[in-house]
Amino acid sequence: MQNGDNLPSSRGWSGIAGHDKVPVMITAQRKEMPFDDGVMSYLEWEADAPVLHFAHATGFNAETYKQLLQPLAGKFHIFAADL
């Protein structure tokens, strides 16, 4: 092996022989959207897929819902705003 060839990357096992059917892991990225009166922070799982906007009304930030949303990553392009 040279330079980590055939080792799992942080994006999943898709490059390993025999693991081509395993989905690639998509991780959430913390981003901010500026407004005139401040900024809104949100998590985004990018994917070439239909958009899913997850709106929660508990007062917690979007990090609270990462375990709920992670299985949907790749099936949807997910936005989870800190409301």
Protein backbone atom coordinates (compact mmCIF):
# COMPACT_ATOMS: atom_id res chain seq x y z
CA MET A 1 0.00 0.00 0.00
CA GLN A 2 1.23 3.48 -0.83
CA ASN A 3 0.07 6.69 0.77
CA GLY A 4 -2.96 5.07 2.39
CA ASP A 5 -4.29 3.47 -0.81
CA ASN A 6 -7.44 1.40 -0.18
CA LEU A 7 -7.96 2.77 3.32
CA PRO A 8 -11.36 4.17 4.28
CA SER A 9 -11.55 7.91 3.91
CA SER A 10 -13.57 10.25 6.08
CA ARG A 11 -16.24 10.09 3.36
CA GLY A 12 -16.86 6.33 3.65
CA TRP A 13 -15.74 2.96 2.26
CA SER A 14 -16.74 3.47 -1.36
CA GLY A 15 -13.18 3.21 -2.71
CA ILE A 16 -12.43 -0.19 -1.17
CA ALA A 17 -12.75 -3.33 -3.29
CA GLY A 18 -15.94 -5.17 -2.41
CA HIS A 19 -17.45 -2.13 -0.71
CA ASP A 20 -18.72 -0.29 -3.77
CA LYS A 21 -22.34 -0.73 -2.67
CA VAL A 22 -21.81 0.91 0.73
CA PRO A 23 -23.14 4.50 0.81
CA VAL A 24 -20.65 7.32 1.19
CA MET A 25 -20.89 9.17 4.51
CA ILE A 26 -21.94 12.81 4.13
CA THR A 27 -21.18 14.97 7.13
CA ALA A 28 -22.93 18.15 8.16
CA GLN A 29 -21.19 21.46 7.68
CA ARG A 30 -21.87 24.43 9.98
CA LYS A 31 -22.64 27.55 7.90
CA GLU A 32 -23.98 31.06 8.45
CA MET A 33 -26.38 33.22 6.43
CA PRO A 34 -26.09 37.00 6.93
CA PHE A 35 -29.13 39.23 7.35
CA ASP A 36 -29.45 42.98 7.95
CA ASP A 37 -30.03 42.44 11.67
CA GLY A 38 -27.62 39.54 12.32
CA VAL A 39 -26.72 36.07 11.12
CA MET A 40 -28.50 32.74 11.13
CA SER A 41 -26.42 29.63 11.77
CA TYR A 42 -27.41 26.33 10.20
CA LEU A 43 -26.21 22.82 9.42
CA GLU A 44 -26.11 21.65 5.82
CA TRP A 45 -25.67 18.14 4.40
CA GLU A 46 -24.93 18.77 0.73
CA ALA A 47 -26.24 16.30 -1.86
CA ASP A 48 -27.46 16.31 -5.43
CA ALA A 49 -30.93 15.41 -4.21
CA PRO A 50 -34.27 17.00 -3.27
CA VAL A 51 -34.05 19.71 -0.62
CA LEU A 52 -35.25 19.03 2.92
CA HIS A 53 -35.55 22.00 5.28
CA PHE A 54 -35.74 20.77 8.86
CA ALA A 55 -37.46 23.34 11.07
CA HIS A 56 -37.47 22.65 14.79
CA ALA A 57 -39.15 24.74 17.45
CA THR A 58 -37.60 23.51 20.68
CA GLY A 59 -35.09 26.30 21.27
CA PHE A 60 -32.17 23.88 20.87
CA ASN A 61 -29.68 24.29 18.04
CA ALA A 62 -29.59 22.02 15.00
CA GLU A 63 -26.70 19.95 16.44
CA THR A 64 -29.33 18.31 18.69
CA TYR A 65 -30.90 16.67 15.64
CA LYS A 66 -27.77 15.40 13.86
CA GLN A 67 -28.48 11.75 14.75
CA LEU A 68 -32.03 12.09 13.43
CA LEU A 69 -30.98 13.76 10.17
CA GLN A 70 -27.73 11.90 9.39
CA PRO A 71 -29.50 8.77 8.00
CA LEU A 72 -31.31 11.04 5.49
CA ALA A 73 -28.07 12.58 4.21
CA GLY A 74 -27.47 11.66 0.58
CA LYS A 75 -31.16 11.05 0.01
CA PHE A 76 -31.83 14.77 0.59
CA HIS A 77 -29.88 18.04 0.53
CA ILE A 78 -30.63 19.00 4.14
CA PHE A 79 -30.77 22.43 5.76
CA ALA A 80 -31.32 22.56 9.54
CA ALA A 81 -31.43 26.14 10.82
CA ASP A 82 -30.81 27.23 14.40
CA LEU A 83 -34.16 28.91 15.05
